[in-house]
């Protein structure tokens, strides 16, 4: 059903749920998964003020997730605005689906802070599966 899928992972606790959601889809031999993690632009503040792991650590985590996917896949680690880069990748690979996690922002926080998943849903030209964290 879905041929090209962008799997956007934050390499946090929600990544396991997002990966599980991907694996619950009917992937075929023709499915191709682009596993991505977007590192914020240099100088950007982390939304939760946590230290960022190195690119090598992120790539190691993504390779671990990659080994759990039954379809052919590749890894893309990119610097930039997460929502913009996820949408850009989806356009480059002509994705049929983006699978992404949601941090579950509520109330005032949701109004003040646009979440990556809500921006992706609003701007993507393909279907988006948002997995609740």
C-alpha atoms as a PDB file:
ATOM      1  CA  UNK A   1       0.000   0.000   0.000  1.00  0.00           C
ATOM      2  CA  UNK A   2       2.650   2.551   1.025  1.00  0.00           C
ATOM      3  CA  UNK A   3       5.784   2.534  -1.072  1.00  0.00           C
ATOM      4  CA  UNK A   4       8.024   5.320   0.254  1.00  0.00           C
ATOM      5  CA  UNK A   5       7.709   6.125   3.946  1.00  0.00           C
ATOM      6  CA  UNK A   6       9.562   8.774   5.930  1.00  0.00           C
ATOM      7  CA  UNK A   7      10.013   7.588   9.515  1.00  0.00           C
ATOM      8  CA  UNK A   8      10.877  10.617  11.664  1.00  0.00           C
ATOM      9  CA  UNK A   9      12.424   9.632  14.991  1.00  0.00           C
ATOM     10  CA  UNK A  10      13.563  11.847  17.852  1.00  0.00           C
ATOM     11  CA  UNK A  11      15.620   8.996  19.373  1.00  0.00           C
ATOM     12  CA  UNK A  12      13.738   9.491  22.633  1.00  0.00           C
ATOM     13  CA  UNK A  13      11.280   7.308  24.491  1.00  0.00           C
ATOM     14  CA  UNK A  14       8.566   7.795  21.862  1.00  0.00           C
ATOM     15  CA  UNK A  15      10.743   6.326  19.098  1.00  0.00           C
ATOM     16  CA  UNK A  16       9.857   2.774  20.150  1.00  0.00           C
ATOM     17  CA  UNK A  17       6.140   3.533  19.769  1.00  0.00           C
ATOM     18  CA  UNK A  18       6.672   5.197  16.404  1.00  0.00           C
ATOM     19  CA  UNK A  19       8.711   2.202  15.213  1.00  0.00           C
ATOM     20  CA  UNK A  20       6.024  -0.191  16.473  1.00  0.00           C
ATOM     21  CA  UNK A  21       3.374   1.781  14.555  1.00  0.00           C
ATOM     22  CA  UNK A  22       5.458   1.544  11.380  1.00  0.00           C
ATOM     23  CA  UNK A  23       5.918  -2.204  11.807  1.00  0.00           C
ATOM     24  CA  UNK A  24       2.162  -2.652  12.293  1.00  0.00           C
ATOM     25  CA  UNK A  25       1.559  -1.319   8.768  1.00  0.00           C
ATOM     26  CA  UNK A  26       1.347  -3.739   5.866  1.00  0.00           C
ATOM     27  CA  UNK A  27       4.842  -3.202   4.501  1.00  0.00           C
ATOM     28  CA  UNK A  28       5.642  -4.983   1.264  1.00  0.00           C
ATOM     29  CA  UNK A  29       8.850  -5.905  -0.524  1.00  0.00           C
ATOM     30  CA  UNK A  30       8.327  -2.705  -2.528  1.00  0.00           C
ATOM     31  CA  UNK A  31       8.187  -0.525   0.596  1.00  0.00           C
ATOM     32  CA  UNK A  32      11.181   1.717   1.228  1.00  0.00           C
ATOM     33  CA  UNK A  33      11.725   3.439   4.562  1.00  0.00           C
ATOM     34  CA  UNK A  34      13.698   6.648   5.021  1.00  0.00           C
ATOM     35  CA  UNK A  35      14.626   6.765   8.705  1.00  0.00           C
ATOM     36  CA  UNK A  36      15.421  10.306   9.726  1.00  0.00           C
ATOM     37  CA  UNK A  37      16.458  12.350  12.706  1.00  0.00           C
ATOM     38  CA  UNK A  38      16.684  16.115  12.417  1.00  0.00           C
ATOM     39  CA  UNK A  39      19.301  17.884  14.486  1.00  0.00           C
ATOM     40  CA  UNK A  40      18.244  21.468  15.187  1.00  0.00           C
ATOM     41  CA  UNK A  41      20.015  24.368  13.562  1.00  0.00           C
ATOM     42  CA  UNK A  42      23.271  25.274  15.241  1.00  0.00           C
ATOM     43  CA  UNK A  43      22.629  27.713  18.081  1.00  0.00           C
ATOM     44  CA  UNK A  44      18.975  26.722  18.508  1.00  0.00           C
ATOM     45  CA  UNK A  45      17.828  26.109  22.048  1.00  0.00           C
ATOM     46  CA  UNK A  46      16.594  22.629  22.811  1.00  0.00           C
ATOM     47  CA  UNK A  47      12.858  22.647  23.586  1.00  0.00           C
ATOM     48  CA  UNK A  48      13.514  20.702  26.777  1.00  0.00           C
ATOM     49  CA  UNK A  49      16.998  22.091  27.482  1.00  0.00           C
ATOM     50  CA  UNK A  50      18.687  18.712  27.264  1.00  0.00           C
ATOM     51  CA  UNK A  51      22.131  18.082  25.841  1.00  0.00           C
ATOM     52  CA  UNK A  52      22.125  16.795  22.282  1.00  0.00           C
ATOM     53  CA  UNK A  53      23.907  13.505  21.604  1.00  0.00           C
ATOM     54  CA  UNK A  54      26.554  13.522  18.908  1.00  0.00           C
ATOM     55  CA  UNK A  55      25.718  12.697  15.304  1.00  0.00           C
ATOM     56  CA  UNK A  56      27.552   9.364  15.675  1.00  0.00           C
ATOM     57  CA  UNK A  57      25.424   8.364  18.678  1.00  0.00           C
ATOM     58  CA  UNK A  58      22.252   9.312  16.788  1.00  0.00           C
ATOM     59  CA  UNK A  59      23.365   7.270  13.761  1.00  0.00           C
ATOM     60  CA  UNK A  60      24.070   4.269  16.023  1.00  0.00           C
ATOM     61  CA  UNK A  61      20.569   4.547  17.521  1.00  0.00           C
ATOM     62  CA  UNK A  62      19.022   4.813  14.071  1.00  0.00           C
ATOM     63  CA  UNK A  63      20.942   1.738  12.874  1.00  0.00           C
ATOM     64  CA  UNK A  64      19.516  -0.158  15.851  1.00  0.00           C
ATOM     65  CA  UNK A  65      15.990   0.904  14.848  1.00  0.00           C
ATOM     66  CA  UNK A  66      16.803   0.094  11.210  1.00  0.00           C
ATOM     67  CA  UNK A  67      17.597  -3.508  12.159  1.00  0.00           C
ATOM     68  CA  UNK A  68      14.029  -3.863  13.462  1.00  0.00           C
ATOM     69  CA  UNK A  69      12.389  -2.927  10.151  1.00  0.00           C
ATOM     70  CA  UNK A  70      11.558  -5.692   7.681  1.00  0.00           C
ATOM     71  CA  UNK A  71      11.635  -3.423   4.614  1.00  0.00           C
ATOM     72  CA  UNK A  72      14.624  -1.906   2.794  1.00  0.00           C
ATOM     73  CA  UNK A  73      15.659   1.370   4.390  1.00  0.00           C
ATOM     74  CA  UNK A  74      18.246   4.096   4.640  1.00  0.00           C
ATOM     75  CA  UNK A  75      19.221   6.617   7.299  1.00  0.00           C
ATOM     76  CA  UNK A  76      19.218  10.413   6.923  1.00  0.00           C
ATOM     77  CA  UNK A  77      20.562  12.625   9.739  1.00  0.00           C
ATOM     78  CA  UNK A  78      20.042  16.262   8.817  1.00  0.00           C
ATOM     79  CA  UNK A  79      20.615  19.674  10.397  1.00  0.00           C
ATOM     80  CA  UNK A  80      17.779  22.173  10.169  1.00  0.00           C
ATOM     81  CA  UNK A  81      14.252  22.959  11.210  1.00  0.00           C
ATOM     82  CA  UNK A  82      12.618  19.581  11.998  1.00  0.00           C
ATOM     83  CA  UNK A  83       9.234  20.203  10.350  1.00  0.00           C
ATOM     84  CA  UNK A  84      10.752  21.794   7.245  1.00  0.00           C
ATOM     85  CA  UNK A  85      13.334  19.032   6.817  1.00  0.00           C
ATOM     86  CA  UNK A  86      10.832  16.204   7.304  1.00  0.00           C
ATOM     87  CA  UNK A  87       8.581  17.742   4.648  1.00  0.00           C
ATOM     88  CA  UNK A  88      11.570  18.341   2.350  1.00  0.00           C
ATOM     89  CA  UNK A  89      12.631  14.681   2.658  1.00  0.00           C
ATOM     90  CA  UNK A  90       9.080  13.520   1.980  1.00  0.00           C
ATOM     91  CA  UNK A  91       9.044  15.604  -1.193  1.00  0.00           C
ATOM     92  CA  UNK A  92      12.487  14.418  -2.351  1.00  0.00           C
ATOM     93  CA  UNK A  93      11.582  10.749  -1.878  1.00  0.00           C
ATOM     94  CA  UNK A  94       8.000  11.250  -3.106  1.00  0.00           C
ATOM     95  CA  UNK A  95       6.775   9.729   0.148  1.00  0.00           C
ATOM     96  CA  UNK A  96       3.307   8.245   0.403  1.00  0.00           C
ATOM     97  CA  UNK A  97       3.391   8.480   4.189  1.00  0.00           C
ATOM     98  CA  UNK A  98       5.227  10.212   7.023  1.00  0.00           C
ATOM     99  CA  UNK A  99       5.254   8.448  10.402  1.00  0.00           C
ATOM    100  CA  UNK A 100       6.049  10.793  13.280  1.00  0.00           C
ATOM    101  CA  UNK A 101       5.610  10.950  17.041  1.00  0.00           C
ATOM    102  CA  UNK A 102       3.742  13.568  19.018  1.00  0.00           C
ATOM    103  CA  UNK A 103       4.984  14.974  22.311  1.00  0.00           C
ATOM    104  CA  UNK A 104       1.397  15.427  23.454  1.00  0.00           C
ATOM    105  CA  UNK A 105       1.486  19.166  24.113  1.00  0.00           C
ATOM    106  CA  UNK A 106      -1.683  20.400  25.798  1.00  0.00           C
ATOM    107  CA  UNK A 107      -3.306  23.628  26.894  1.00  0.00           C
ATOM    108  CA  UNK A 108      -1.326  26.855  26.779  1.00  0.00           C
ATOM    109  CA  UNK A 109       1.869  25.047  25.778  1.00  0.00           C
ATOM    110  CA  UNK A 110       0.142  23.775  22.633  1.00  0.00           C
ATOM    111  CA  UNK A 111      -1.100  27.274  21.743  1.00  0.00           C
ATOM    112  CA  UNK A 112       2.274  28.943  22.322  1.00  0.00           C
ATOM    113  CA  UNK A 113       4.467  26.277  20.797  1.00  0.00           C
ATOM    114  CA  UNK A 114       3.665  24.785  17.399  1.00  0.00           C
ATOM    115  CA  UNK A 115       4.604  21.135  17.578  1.00  0.00           C
ATOM    116  CA  UNK A 116       6.654  19.550  14.819  1.00  0.00           C
ATOM    117  CA  UNK A 117       3.944  16.967  14.185  1.00  0.00           C
ATOM    118  CA  UNK A 118       1.189  19.585  13.803  1.00  0.00           C
ATOM    119  CA  UNK A 119       3.329  21.598  11.376  1.00  0.00           C
ATOM    120  CA  UNK A 120       4.095  18.451   9.356  1.00  0.00           C
ATOM    121  CA  UNK A 121       0.398  17.524   9.228  1.00  0.00           C
ATOM    122  CA  UNK A 122      -0.477  21.036   8.052  1.00  0.00           C
ATOM    123  CA  UNK A 123       2.213  21.282   5.356  1.00  0.00           C
ATOM    124  CA  UNK A 124       2.824  17.745   4.054  1.00  0.00           C
ATOM    125  CA  UNK A 125       1.492  16.764   0.640  1.00  0.00           C
ATOM    126  CA  UNK A 126       1.212  13.096   1.653  1.00  0.00           C
ATOM    127  CA  UNK A 127      -0.562  11.256   4.457  1.00  0.00           C
ATOM    128  CA  UNK A 128       0.856  11.618   7.970  1.00  0.00           C
ATOM    129  CA  UNK A 129       0.520   9.057  10.758  1.00  0.00           C
ATOM    130  CA  UNK A 130       1.002  10.782  14.121  1.00  0.00           C
ATOM    131  CA  UNK A 131       1.789   8.370  16.946  1.00  0.00           C
ATOM    132  CA  UNK A 132       0.843   9.663  20.376  1.00  0.00           C
ATOM    133  CA  UNK A 133       3.782   9.586  22.780  1.00  0.00           C
END
